[in-house]
N, C-alpha and C. Protein backbone atom coordinates (compact mmCIF):
# COMPACT_ATOMS: atom_id res chain seq x y z
N MET A 1 -29.50 -49.83 -154.16
CA MET A 1 -28.00 -50.91 -154.15
C MET A 1 -27.05 -49.63 -153.29
N ILE A 2 -26.29 -50.52 -152.40
CA ILE A 2 -25.53 -49.41 -151.66
C ILE A 2 -24.22 -48.86 -152.68
N THR A 3 -23.90 -49.54 -153.95
CA THR A 3 -22.97 -49.08 -154.75
C THR A 3 -23.35 -47.56 -154.69
N TYR A 4 -24.56 -47.50 -155.59
CA TYR A 4 -25.11 -46.11 -155.52
C TYR A 4 -24.82 -44.87 -154.14
N SER A 5 -24.82 -45.67 -152.88
CA SER A 5 -24.84 -44.54 -151.92
C SER A 5 -23.29 -44.40 -151.93
N VAL A 6 -22.38 -45.51 -151.95
CA VAL A 6 -21.15 -45.37 -151.69
C VAL A 6 -20.26 -44.26 -152.85
N ILE A 7 -21.05 -44.35 -154.00
CA ILE A 7 -20.43 -43.43 -155.41
C ILE A 7 -20.77 -41.81 -154.69
N SER A 8 -22.31 -41.95 -154.00
CA SER A 8 -22.95 -40.20 -153.88
C SER A 8 -21.97 -39.72 -152.98
N ILE A 9 -21.60 -40.60 -151.83
CA ILE A 9 -20.75 -40.06 -150.75
C ILE A 9 -19.40 -39.33 -151.17
N ASN A 10 -18.54 -40.29 -152.02
CA ASN A 10 -17.51 -39.96 -152.46
C ASN A 10 -17.49 -38.61 -153.37
N ILE A 11 -18.72 -38.56 -154.22
CA ILE A 11 -18.63 -37.03 -154.76
C ILE A 11 -19.28 -36.34 -153.85
N LEU A 12 -20.39 -36.33 -153.04
CA LEU A 12 -20.37 -35.32 -152.12
C LEU A 12 -19.16 -34.47 -151.44
N TYR A 13 -18.16 -35.53 -150.91
CA TYR A 13 -16.91 -35.24 -150.12
C TYR A 13 -16.10 -34.40 -150.96
N PHE A 14 -16.33 -34.71 -152.25
CA PHE A 14 -15.60 -33.96 -153.20
C PHE A 14 -16.07 -32.88 -153.52
N ILE A 15 -17.49 -32.48 -153.78
CA ILE A 15 -18.09 -31.14 -153.87
C ILE A 15 -17.70 -30.49 -152.59
N ILE A 16 -17.98 -30.95 -151.43
CA ILE A 16 -17.71 -29.96 -150.39
C ILE A 16 -16.42 -29.60 -150.06
N MET A 17 -15.56 -30.32 -150.98
CA MET A 17 -13.66 -29.96 -150.67
C MET A 17 -14.01 -28.60 -151.85
N ILE A 18 -14.57 -28.70 -152.50
CA ILE A 18 -14.57 -27.75 -153.74
C ILE A 18 -15.43 -26.47 -153.24
N ILE A 19 -16.50 -26.52 -152.48
CA ILE A 19 -16.92 -25.64 -151.95
C ILE A 19 -16.12 -24.69 -151.04
N MET A 20 -15.47 -25.26 -150.38
CA MET A 20 -14.24 -24.95 -149.09
C MET A 20 -13.21 -24.75 -149.92
N GLY A 21 -12.90 -24.42 -151.47
CA GLY A 21 -11.85 -23.96 -151.77
C GLY A 21 -10.56 -24.63 -152.12
N VAL A 22 -10.85 -26.10 -152.56
CA VAL A 22 -9.74 -27.08 -152.85
C VAL A 22 -9.83 -26.71 -154.44
N ASP A 23 -8.78 -26.75 -154.92
CA ASP A 23 -8.47 -26.95 -156.06
C ASP A 23 -9.22 -28.04 -157.05
N PRO A 24 -9.89 -28.59 -157.85
CA PRO A 24 -10.88 -29.44 -158.29
C PRO A 24 -10.05 -30.35 -159.24
N ILE A 25 -8.90 -29.60 -159.91
CA ILE A 25 -8.10 -30.29 -160.92
C ILE A 25 -6.73 -30.94 -160.16
N ASN A 26 -6.10 -29.98 -159.18
CA ASN A 26 -5.02 -30.05 -158.63
C ASN A 26 -4.96 -29.88 -157.50
N PRO A 27 -5.60 -30.35 -156.37
CA PRO A 27 -5.22 -30.30 -155.16
C PRO A 27 -4.08 -30.41 -154.54
N SER A 28 -3.94 -29.34 -153.21
CA SER A 28 -2.62 -29.35 -152.62
C SER A 28 -2.38 -30.51 -151.84
N ALA A 29 -1.21 -31.08 -151.23
CA ALA A 29 -1.23 -32.28 -150.29
C ALA A 29 -1.68 -31.37 -149.06
N TYR A 30 -1.42 -30.60 -148.79
CA TYR A 30 -2.10 -29.69 -147.55
C TYR A 30 -3.48 -30.03 -147.41
N SER A 31 -4.17 -29.56 -148.65
CA SER A 31 -5.64 -29.87 -148.67
C SER A 31 -6.26 -31.25 -148.33
N ILE A 32 -5.79 -32.42 -149.25
CA ILE A 32 -5.77 -33.38 -148.90
C ILE A 32 -5.82 -33.96 -147.63
N HIS A 33 -4.44 -33.56 -147.11
CA HIS A 33 -4.59 -33.88 -145.39
C HIS A 33 -5.24 -33.45 -144.38
N PHE A 34 -5.80 -31.93 -144.70
CA PHE A 34 -6.73 -31.32 -144.12
C PHE A 34 -8.13 -32.15 -143.88
N PHE A 35 -8.47 -32.36 -145.08
CA PHE A 35 -10.00 -33.34 -145.02
C PHE A 35 -9.68 -34.76 -144.94
N GLY A 36 -8.34 -35.08 -144.46
CA GLY A 36 -8.46 -36.60 -144.05
C GLY A 36 -7.86 -37.45 -144.67
N GLY A 37 -6.83 -36.93 -145.31
CA GLY A 37 -5.69 -37.86 -145.99
C GLY A 37 -5.05 -38.89 -145.39
N ASN A 38 -4.54 -40.12 -145.71
CA ASN A 38 -3.56 -40.84 -145.10
C ASN A 38 -2.57 -40.64 -145.07
N PHE A 39 -1.71 -40.51 -143.78
CA PHE A 39 -0.41 -40.06 -143.48
C PHE A 39 -0.04 -40.73 -142.06
N GLY A 40 0.70 -41.99 -142.51
CA GLY A 40 1.80 -42.39 -141.53
C GLY A 40 2.22 -41.91 -140.07
N PRO A 41 2.60 -40.77 -139.99
CA PRO A 41 2.83 -40.35 -138.91
C PRO A 41 1.62 -39.72 -138.16
N ASP A 42 0.90 -39.38 -138.73
CA ASP A 42 -0.45 -38.80 -137.90
C ASP A 42 -1.44 -40.20 -137.40
N ILE A 43 -1.31 -40.91 -138.19
CA ILE A 43 -1.95 -42.46 -138.20
C ILE A 43 -1.18 -43.25 -137.04
N LEU A 44 0.03 -43.47 -136.87
CA LEU A 44 1.24 -44.32 -136.26
C LEU A 44 1.48 -43.89 -134.88
N ILE A 45 1.51 -42.45 -135.05
CA ILE A 45 2.23 -41.92 -134.20
C ILE A 45 1.14 -41.06 -132.88
N LYS A 46 0.49 -40.50 -133.81
CA LYS A 46 -0.63 -39.43 -133.15
C LYS A 46 -2.22 -39.89 -132.75
N GLY A 47 -2.15 -41.09 -133.51
CA GLY A 47 -3.59 -42.23 -133.33
C GLY A 47 -4.82 -41.68 -133.74
N GLU A 48 -4.41 -40.89 -135.35
CA GLU A 48 -5.66 -40.63 -136.07
C GLU A 48 -5.91 -41.47 -136.59
N TYR A 49 -6.13 -42.57 -136.09
CA TYR A 49 -7.13 -43.58 -136.85
C TYR A 49 -8.22 -43.87 -137.90
N TRP A 50 -8.85 -42.59 -137.68
CA TRP A 50 -10.24 -41.91 -138.57
C TRP A 50 -9.86 -41.92 -140.09
N ARG A 51 -8.11 -41.52 -139.90
CA ARG A 51 -7.81 -41.28 -141.59
C ARG A 51 -7.85 -42.16 -142.41
N LEU A 52 -7.58 -43.76 -141.66
CA LEU A 52 -7.87 -44.59 -142.61
C LEU A 52 -8.95 -45.27 -143.09
N LEU A 53 -9.95 -44.66 -142.97
CA LEU A 53 -11.35 -44.83 -143.47
C LEU A 53 -11.67 -43.51 -144.31
N THR A 54 -11.44 -42.07 -143.47
CA THR A 54 -11.60 -40.96 -144.53
C THR A 54 -11.05 -40.69 -145.75
N SER A 55 -9.59 -41.14 -145.89
CA SER A 55 -8.91 -41.02 -146.91
C SER A 55 -9.29 -41.83 -148.18
N ASN A 56 -10.20 -42.80 -148.06
CA ASN A 56 -10.81 -43.81 -149.04
C ASN A 56 -12.02 -42.99 -149.61
N TYR A 57 -12.26 -41.71 -149.22
CA TYR A 57 -13.43 -40.96 -149.47
C TYR A 57 -12.96 -39.54 -150.15
N ILE A 58 -11.58 -39.38 -150.31
CA ILE A 58 -10.93 -38.21 -150.85
C ILE A 58 -10.29 -38.57 -151.93
N HIS A 59 -10.55 -37.93 -152.87
CA HIS A 59 -9.93 -37.85 -154.24
C HIS A 59 -8.83 -36.45 -154.56
N ILE A 60 -8.04 -37.16 -155.44
CA ILE A 60 -6.87 -36.09 -155.93
C ILE A 60 -7.17 -35.47 -157.12
N GLY A 61 -8.33 -34.44 -157.21
CA GLY A 61 -8.73 -34.20 -158.55
C GLY A 61 -9.74 -34.82 -159.03
N PHE A 62 -10.44 -34.23 -160.18
CA PHE A 62 -11.72 -34.72 -160.51
C PHE A 62 -11.46 -35.81 -161.37
N MET A 63 -10.33 -35.84 -162.48
CA MET A 63 -9.95 -37.39 -162.80
C MET A 63 -9.83 -38.37 -162.21
N HIS A 64 -9.20 -38.16 -160.87
CA HIS A 64 -9.01 -38.99 -160.17
C HIS A 64 -10.70 -40.05 -159.27
N LEU A 65 -11.41 -39.09 -158.92
CA LEU A 65 -12.49 -39.10 -159.12
C LEU A 65 -13.31 -39.97 -159.94
N LEU A 66 -13.34 -39.54 -160.74
CA LEU A 66 -14.15 -40.06 -162.24
C LEU A 66 -13.91 -41.44 -162.51
N PHE A 67 -12.60 -41.55 -162.72
CA PHE A 67 -11.73 -43.09 -162.75
C PHE A 67 -12.29 -43.92 -161.63
N ASN A 68 -11.89 -43.71 -160.35
CA ASN A 68 -12.15 -44.30 -159.39
C ASN A 68 -13.89 -44.80 -159.32
N MET A 69 -14.70 -43.55 -159.77
CA MET A 69 -16.19 -43.95 -159.55
C MET A 69 -16.95 -44.85 -160.54
N TRP A 70 -16.29 -44.83 -162.20
CA TRP A 70 -16.63 -45.57 -162.84
C TRP A 70 -16.13 -46.81 -163.11
N CYS A 71 -14.79 -47.16 -161.97
CA CYS A 71 -14.64 -48.68 -161.63
C CYS A 71 -15.36 -48.98 -160.31
N LEU A 72 -15.65 -48.29 -159.51
CA LEU A 72 -16.52 -48.54 -158.52
C LEU A 72 -17.97 -48.89 -158.74
N TYR A 73 -18.47 -48.30 -159.73
CA TYR A 73 -19.91 -48.61 -160.73
C TYR A 73 -19.82 -49.93 -161.14
N SER A 74 -18.74 -49.83 -161.91
CA SER A 74 -18.74 -51.33 -163.04
C SER A 74 -18.47 -52.62 -162.37
N ILE A 75 -17.80 -52.83 -161.24
CA ILE A 75 -17.14 -53.46 -160.04
C ILE A 75 -18.40 -53.79 -159.22
N GLY A 76 -18.60 -52.57 -158.45
CA GLY A 76 -19.52 -52.91 -157.19
C GLY A 76 -20.81 -53.26 -157.94
N ILE A 77 -21.92 -53.09 -158.77
CA ILE A 77 -22.64 -53.76 -158.88
C ILE A 77 -22.87 -55.18 -159.17
N GLU A 78 -22.02 -55.35 -159.85
CA GLU A 78 -22.11 -56.79 -160.01
C GLU A 78 -21.54 -57.55 -158.97
N LEU A 79 -20.36 -56.85 -157.66
CA LEU A 79 -20.17 -58.10 -156.53
C LEU A 79 -21.51 -58.02 -155.80
N GLU A 80 -21.98 -56.46 -155.68
CA GLU A 80 -22.84 -56.41 -154.67
C GLU A 80 -24.24 -57.28 -154.85
N ARG A 81 -24.15 -57.71 -156.35
CA ARG A 81 -25.61 -58.67 -156.74
C ARG A 81 -25.44 -59.91 -156.27
N MET A 82 -24.10 -60.04 -156.28
CA MET A 82 -23.71 -61.63 -155.60
C MET A 82 -23.78 -61.81 -154.37
N ILE A 83 -23.41 -60.70 -153.44
CA ILE A 83 -22.62 -61.05 -152.36
C ILE A 83 -23.83 -60.19 -151.13
N SER A 84 -24.82 -59.79 -151.51
CA SER A 84 -25.51 -58.61 -150.93
C SER A 84 -25.08 -57.28 -150.67
N SER A 85 -25.83 -56.54 -150.10
CA SER A 85 -25.53 -54.80 -150.03
C SER A 85 -24.39 -54.95 -148.79
N GLN A 86 -24.80 -56.02 -147.59
CA GLN A 86 -24.43 -56.09 -146.26
C GLN A 86 -22.89 -56.63 -146.52
N TYR A 87 -22.39 -57.69 -147.16
CA TYR A 87 -21.08 -57.98 -147.64
C TYR A 87 -20.53 -57.16 -148.41
N PHE A 88 -21.16 -56.44 -149.58
CA PHE A 88 -20.42 -55.39 -150.10
C PHE A 88 -19.88 -54.27 -149.22
N ILE A 89 -20.91 -53.67 -148.41
CA ILE A 89 -20.31 -52.64 -147.62
C ILE A 89 -18.96 -52.98 -146.50
N ILE A 90 -18.88 -54.29 -146.40
CA ILE A 90 -17.97 -54.84 -145.45
C ILE A 90 -16.86 -54.98 -146.06
N VAL A 91 -16.77 -55.57 -147.46
CA VAL A 91 -15.60 -55.61 -148.21
C VAL A 91 -14.83 -54.64 -148.56
N TYR A 92 -15.54 -53.61 -148.88
CA TYR A 92 -15.36 -52.13 -149.38
C TYR A 92 -14.75 -51.41 -148.56
N THR A 93 -15.48 -51.36 -147.31
CA THR A 93 -14.77 -50.43 -146.22
C THR A 93 -13.43 -50.90 -145.52
N LEU A 94 -13.63 -52.36 -145.37
CA LEU A 94 -12.47 -53.37 -144.67
C LEU A 94 -11.26 -53.14 -145.75
N SER A 95 -11.46 -53.34 -147.09
CA SER A 95 -10.28 -53.55 -148.21
C SER A 95 -9.65 -52.11 -147.89
N GLY A 96 -10.32 -51.16 -147.97
CA GLY A 96 -9.91 -49.64 -147.96
C GLY A 96 -9.28 -49.39 -146.70
N ILE A 97 -9.68 -49.50 -145.53
CA ILE A 97 -9.19 -49.42 -144.37
C ILE A 97 -7.78 -50.26 -143.97
N PHE A 98 -7.86 -51.57 -144.82
CA PHE A 98 -6.58 -52.63 -144.85
C PHE A 98 -5.41 -51.75 -145.70
N GLY A 99 -5.56 -51.60 -146.95
CA GLY A 99 -5.12 -51.21 -147.80
C GLY A 99 -4.40 -49.53 -147.47
N SER A 100 -5.32 -48.65 -146.98
CA SER A 100 -4.77 -47.55 -145.78
C SER A 100 -3.72 -47.84 -144.90
N LEU A 101 -3.58 -48.81 -144.35
CA LEU A 101 -2.51 -49.26 -143.44
C LEU A 101 -1.49 -49.70 -143.89
N CYS A 102 -1.48 -50.82 -145.09
CA CYS A 102 -0.59 -50.81 -145.88
C CYS A 102 0.32 -49.75 -145.90
N SER A 103 -0.36 -48.72 -146.72
CA SER A 103 0.37 -47.42 -147.14
C SER A 103 0.87 -46.69 -146.03
N CYS A 104 0.69 -46.58 -144.70
CA CYS A 104 1.02 -46.10 -143.72
C CYS A 104 2.50 -46.52 -143.61
N PHE A 105 2.61 -48.01 -143.74
CA PHE A 105 3.97 -48.27 -143.82
C PHE A 105 5.09 -48.22 -144.75
N LEU A 106 4.15 -48.65 -145.67
CA LEU A 106 4.85 -48.29 -147.07
C LEU A 106 5.45 -46.91 -147.20
N ASN A 107 4.43 -46.26 -147.07
CA ASN A 107 4.77 -45.11 -147.67
C ASN A 107 4.25 -43.85 -146.69
N TYR A 108 4.89 -44.15 -145.56
CA TYR A 108 4.73 -43.75 -144.16
C TYR A 108 5.02 -42.00 -144.29
N ASN A 109 5.89 -41.21 -144.86
CA ASN A 109 5.51 -39.91 -145.38
C ASN A 109 4.83 -39.42 -146.23
N ILE A 110 4.19 -39.87 -147.20
CA ILE A 110 3.53 -39.19 -147.98
C ILE A 110 1.93 -39.35 -147.46
N ILE A 111 1.44 -38.38 -148.56
CA ILE A 111 -0.33 -38.17 -147.79
C ILE A 111 -0.70 -38.55 -149.04
N GLY A 112 -1.68 -39.82 -148.67
CA GLY A 112 -2.40 -40.58 -149.80
C GLY A 112 -3.92 -40.37 -149.56
N ALA A 113 -4.44 -40.84 -150.42
CA ALA A 113 -5.74 -40.40 -150.81
C ALA A 113 -6.85 -41.28 -152.08
N GLY A 114 -8.14 -41.84 -152.09
CA GLY A 114 -8.59 -42.21 -153.18
C GLY A 114 -9.12 -43.56 -152.83
N ALA A 115 -10.16 -44.15 -153.55
CA ALA A 115 -10.83 -45.04 -153.45
C ALA A 115 -10.21 -46.51 -153.68
N SER A 116 -9.04 -46.48 -154.49
CA SER A 116 -8.55 -47.38 -155.10
C SER A 116 -8.47 -48.91 -154.34
N GLY A 117 -8.02 -48.59 -152.98
CA GLY A 117 -7.77 -49.76 -152.26
C GLY A 117 -8.93 -50.45 -151.64
N SER A 118 -10.33 -49.61 -151.90
CA SER A 118 -11.24 -50.56 -151.46
C SER A 118 -12.08 -50.98 -153.10
N ILE A 119 -11.75 -50.27 -154.27
CA ILE A 119 -11.72 -51.04 -155.47
C ILE A 119 -11.37 -51.89 -155.68
N PHE A 120 -10.01 -52.11 -155.21
CA PHE A 120 -8.76 -53.31 -155.67
C PHE A 120 -9.67 -54.57 -154.68
N GLY A 121 -9.97 -54.27 -153.68
CA GLY A 121 -10.59 -55.10 -152.77
C GLY A 121 -11.89 -55.60 -153.08
N ILE A 122 -12.64 -54.83 -153.86
CA ILE A 122 -13.83 -55.32 -154.58
C ILE A 122 -13.65 -56.08 -155.57
N SER A 123 -12.53 -55.64 -156.39
CA SER A 123 -12.06 -56.60 -157.25
C SER A 123 -11.51 -58.05 -157.37
N GLY A 124 -10.55 -58.04 -155.91
CA GLY A 124 -10.24 -58.84 -155.67
C GLY A 124 -11.21 -60.41 -155.41
N THR A 125 -12.61 -59.70 -154.28
CA THR A 125 -13.29 -60.21 -153.81
C THR A 125 -14.17 -61.20 -155.20
N LEU A 126 -14.32 -60.12 -156.31
CA LEU A 126 -15.41 -60.52 -157.25
C LEU A 126 -14.42 -61.28 -158.11
N LEU A 127 -13.30 -61.42 -158.34
CA LEU A 127 -12.53 -62.18 -159.18
C LEU A 127 -12.21 -63.83 -158.65
N ILE A 128 -12.18 -63.51 -157.09
CA ILE A 128 -12.10 -64.88 -156.76
C ILE A 128 -13.64 -65.73 -156.88
N ILE A 129 -14.70 -65.18 -156.59
CA ILE A 129 -15.58 -65.82 -156.58
C ILE A 129 -16.34 -66.24 -158.42
N ILE A 130 -15.86 -65.33 -159.19
CA ILE A 130 -16.17 -65.64 -160.53
C ILE A 130 -14.94 -66.99 -160.99
N TYR A 131 -14.27 -67.03 -160.35
CA TYR A 131 -13.37 -67.82 -160.79
C TYR A 131 -13.71 -69.07 -160.12
N TYR A 132 -14.08 -68.94 -158.49
CA TYR A 132 -14.63 -70.19 -158.23
C TYR A 132 -16.08 -70.65 -159.12
N LEU A 133 -16.75 -70.10 -159.12
CA LEU A 133 -18.11 -70.11 -160.08
C LEU A 133 -17.73 -70.33 -161.21
N ASP A 134 -16.83 -70.42 -162.14
CA ASP A 134 -16.52 -70.80 -163.17
C ASP A 134 -16.06 -72.47 -163.20
N GLN A 135 -15.27 -72.42 -162.20
CA GLN A 135 -14.44 -73.84 -162.19
C GLN A 135 -15.38 -74.84 -161.05
N SER A 136 -16.75 -74.37 -160.77
CA SER A 136 -17.52 -75.26 -160.19
C SER A 136 -18.20 -76.19 -161.01
N SER A 137 -18.49 -77.38 -160.68
CA SER A 137 -19.02 -78.43 -161.98
C SER A 137 -20.47 -78.34 -161.96
N ASP A 138 -20.92 -77.82 -160.23
CA ASP A 138 -22.48 -77.37 -160.35
C ASP A 138 -23.06 -76.24 -161.14
N ASN A 139 -22.26 -75.57 -161.19
CA ASN A 139 -22.69 -74.38 -161.97
C ASN A 139 -22.78 -74.23 -163.33
N ASP A 140 -24.04 -73.77 -164.10
CA ASP A 140 -24.43 -73.90 -165.49
C ASP A 140 -23.85 -72.34 -166.11
N ILE A 141 -23.56 -71.36 -165.05
CA ILE A 141 -23.50 -69.96 -165.60
C ILE A 141 -21.86 -69.88 -166.17
N GLN A 142 -21.23 -69.51 -166.89
CA GLN A 142 -19.76 -69.18 -167.45
C GLN A 142 -19.64 -67.99 -167.43
N TYR A 143 -18.32 -67.47 -166.55
CA TYR A 143 -18.10 -66.25 -166.32
C TYR A 143 -16.70 -65.78 -167.03
N ASN A 144 -17.01 -64.53 -167.73
CA ASN A 144 -15.49 -64.44 -168.30
C ASN A 144 -14.91 -63.58 -166.94
N TYR A 145 -13.75 -64.11 -166.63
CA TYR A 145 -13.12 -63.22 -165.71
C TYR A 145 -11.85 -62.44 -166.18
N SER A 146 -11.46 -62.39 -167.43
CA SER A 146 -10.35 -62.54 -168.35
C SER A 146 -10.32 -60.25 -168.05
N PRO A 147 -11.47 -59.82 -168.35
CA PRO A 147 -11.36 -58.49 -168.20
C PRO A 147 -10.83 -58.03 -166.84
N LEU A 148 -11.50 -58.51 -165.67
CA LEU A 148 -11.43 -58.10 -164.29
C LEU A 148 -9.91 -58.43 -163.98
N LEU A 149 -9.60 -59.71 -164.64
CA LEU A 149 -8.08 -59.80 -164.27
C LEU A 149 -6.98 -59.31 -164.86
N PHE A 150 -7.51 -58.49 -166.22
CA PHE A 150 -6.22 -57.76 -167.05
C PHE A 150 -6.47 -56.25 -166.04
N PHE A 151 -7.60 -55.70 -165.80
CA PHE A 151 -7.89 -54.95 -164.79
C PHE A 151 -6.70 -54.74 -163.90
N ILE A 152 -6.81 -55.66 -162.66
CA ILE A 152 -5.93 -56.12 -161.75
C ILE A 152 -4.83 -55.67 -162.27
N ILE A 153 -4.08 -56.73 -162.93
CA ILE A 153 -2.81 -56.42 -163.28
C ILE A 153 -2.69 -55.31 -164.21
N TYR A 154 -2.91 -54.85 -165.23
CA TYR A 154 -2.42 -53.54 -165.86
C TYR A 154 -2.28 -52.49 -164.83
N ASN A 155 -3.41 -51.96 -163.92
CA ASN A 155 -3.31 -51.11 -162.93
C ASN A 155 -2.26 -51.65 -162.12
N THR A 156 -2.06 -52.73 -161.39
CA THR A 156 -0.92 -52.98 -160.51
C THR A 156 0.11 -52.66 -161.28
N LEU A 157 0.50 -53.23 -162.53
CA LEU A 157 2.01 -52.67 -163.27
C LEU A 157 2.15 -51.40 -163.26
N PHE A 158 0.68 -50.79 -164.10
CA PHE A 158 1.07 -49.22 -164.05
C PHE A 158 1.48 -48.24 -162.66
N GLY A 159 0.41 -48.91 -161.43
CA GLY A 159 0.88 -48.40 -160.02
C GLY A 159 2.81 -48.44 -159.84
N PHE A 160 3.18 -49.52 -160.46
CA PHE A 160 4.36 -49.52 -160.47
C PHE A 160 5.60 -48.48 -161.09
N MET A 161 4.81 -48.61 -162.31
CA MET A 161 5.88 -47.62 -163.51
C MET A 161 5.38 -45.79 -163.26
N VAL A 162 4.32 -45.86 -162.37
CA VAL A 162 4.16 -44.19 -162.43
C VAL A 162 4.34 -43.80 -161.35
N PRO A 163 4.99 -42.74 -160.96
CA PRO A 163 5.28 -42.00 -159.56
C PRO A 163 4.30 -41.33 -159.30
N GLY A 164 3.82 -41.41 -157.72
CA GLY A 164 3.02 -41.20 -157.09
C GLY A 164 1.56 -41.70 -157.21
N ILE A 165 1.77 -42.75 -157.88
CA ILE A 165 0.50 -43.61 -157.32
C ILE A 165 0.65 -44.78 -156.56
N ASP A 166 -0.52 -45.12 -155.44
CA ASP A 166 -0.35 -45.85 -154.07
C ASP A 166 -0.52 -47.34 -154.24
N ASN A 167 0.54 -48.07 -154.85
CA ASN A 167 0.30 -49.31 -155.03
C ASN A 167 0.60 -50.08 -153.65
N ALA A 168 1.01 -49.39 -152.08
CA ALA A 168 0.54 -50.38 -150.95
C ALA A 168 -0.75 -50.39 -151.38
N ALA A 169 -1.28 -49.02 -151.24
CA ALA A 169 -3.34 -49.14 -150.80
C ALA A 169 -3.83 -50.36 -151.81
N HIS A 170 -3.30 -50.43 -153.24
CA HIS A 170 -4.00 -51.18 -153.97
C HIS A 170 -3.63 -52.37 -153.71
N ILE A 171 -2.28 -52.86 -153.55
CA ILE A 171 -2.07 -54.10 -153.29
C ILE A 171 -2.88 -55.02 -151.91
N GLY A 172 -2.70 -53.90 -150.83
CA GLY A 172 -3.24 -54.13 -149.55
C GLY A 172 -4.55 -54.59 -149.58
N GLY A 173 -5.29 -53.56 -150.14
CA GLY A 173 -6.83 -53.86 -150.52
C GLY A 173 -7.17 -55.23 -151.45
N LEU A 174 -6.43 -55.40 -152.50
CA LEU A 174 -6.89 -56.59 -153.28
C LEU A 174 -6.41 -57.92 -152.33
N ALA A 175 -5.19 -57.91 -151.25
CA ALA A 175 -5.20 -58.95 -150.59
C ALA A 175 -6.37 -59.01 -149.59
N PHE A 176 -6.74 -58.32 -148.99
CA PHE A 176 -8.17 -58.02 -148.27
C PHE A 176 -9.26 -58.84 -149.05
N GLY A 177 -9.27 -58.35 -150.32
CA GLY A 177 -10.56 -58.73 -151.13
C GLY A 177 -10.41 -59.98 -151.65
N PHE A 178 -9.25 -60.85 -151.75
CA PHE A 178 -9.13 -62.20 -152.23
C PHE A 178 -9.42 -63.21 -150.88
N ILE A 179 -8.98 -62.41 -149.57
CA ILE A 179 -9.19 -63.44 -148.34
C ILE A 179 -10.73 -63.20 -148.29
N PHE A 180 -11.52 -62.11 -148.13
CA PHE A 180 -12.83 -61.73 -148.21
C PHE A 180 -13.39 -62.66 -149.16
N GLY A 181 -13.11 -62.88 -150.59
CA GLY A 181 -13.87 -63.62 -151.57
C GLY A 181 -13.89 -65.23 -150.84
N LEU A 182 -12.87 -65.59 -150.43
CA LEU A 182 -12.63 -67.11 -149.86
C LEU A 182 -13.55 -67.21 -148.93
N LEU A 183 -13.42 -66.19 -148.15
CA LEU A 183 -14.72 -66.28 -146.92
C LEU A 183 -15.92 -66.54 -147.25
N ILE A 184 -16.16 -65.65 -148.16
CA ILE A 184 -17.38 -65.59 -148.90
C ILE A 184 -18.05 -67.14 -149.33
N ILE A 185 -16.81 -67.31 -150.52
CA ILE A 185 -16.95 -68.72 -150.68
C ILE A 185 -17.17 -70.10 -149.58
N LYS A 186 -16.55 -69.65 -148.71
CA LYS A 186 -16.61 -70.59 -147.53
C LYS A 186 -17.92 -70.85 -146.53
N ILE A 187 -18.39 -69.69 -146.25
CA ILE A 187 -19.42 -69.60 -145.83
C ILE A 187 -20.87 -70.05 -146.89
N GLY A 188 -20.69 -69.88 -148.12
CA GLY A 188 -21.76 -70.02 -148.89
C GLY A 188 -22.79 -68.86 -148.68
N LYS A 189 -22.28 -67.57 -149.00
CA LYS A 189 -23.22 -66.72 -149.07
C LYS A 189 -23.38 -65.62 -150.19
N LEU A 190 -23.34 -66.68 -151.40
CA LEU A 190 -23.94 -66.11 -152.77
C LEU A 190 -25.17 -66.14 -153.20
N TYR A 191 -25.26 -65.09 -153.80
CA TYR A 191 -26.78 -64.71 -154.10
C TYR A 191 -26.85 -65.24 -155.63
N LEU A 192 -27.02 -66.18 -156.51
CA LEU A 192 -27.00 -65.54 -157.93
C LEU A 192 -28.39 -66.08 -158.48
N LYS A 193 -28.53 -65.09 -159.34
CA LYS A 193 -29.91 -64.92 -159.91
C LYS A 193 -30.00 -65.44 -161.69
């Protein structure tokens, strides 16, 4: 499963940052920026578009990494099983890029990082798919989408209440995930076992 590979890349990148001297608990904004963090002026003025992708593999400390990887594992395995590895990596990557782009405009002068935009994206895709399957008359499988819906709502509200959380990336990734979920349903690329 490619979910495991994505988790491994995130962890490996974090280990490389630590080996190169980054504080594993509270890395500086300079460190996050140096390793490819999202930063509006660099992307929109200097054309460093690669930051839209790399910022999704950088984490602001061990706890940030741990929480995001737990969410990625919990949601990613289920979604990948339903839509295939190929579509999973597409939605994961593009949700992260779209979330980073939203953050560029709404948090222009703030350095951002983390897999949250991608994770919100796969959450949105999974929510759309399981809601569709739950409502489908020709489907005998019943899905409980309440925990996923709670996860999305709680973390979005939490992001508005706590300073320093990049809700622009969360909402941007989620919006892309919803759209991708509708597209997957439309083209009929569900693999139900």
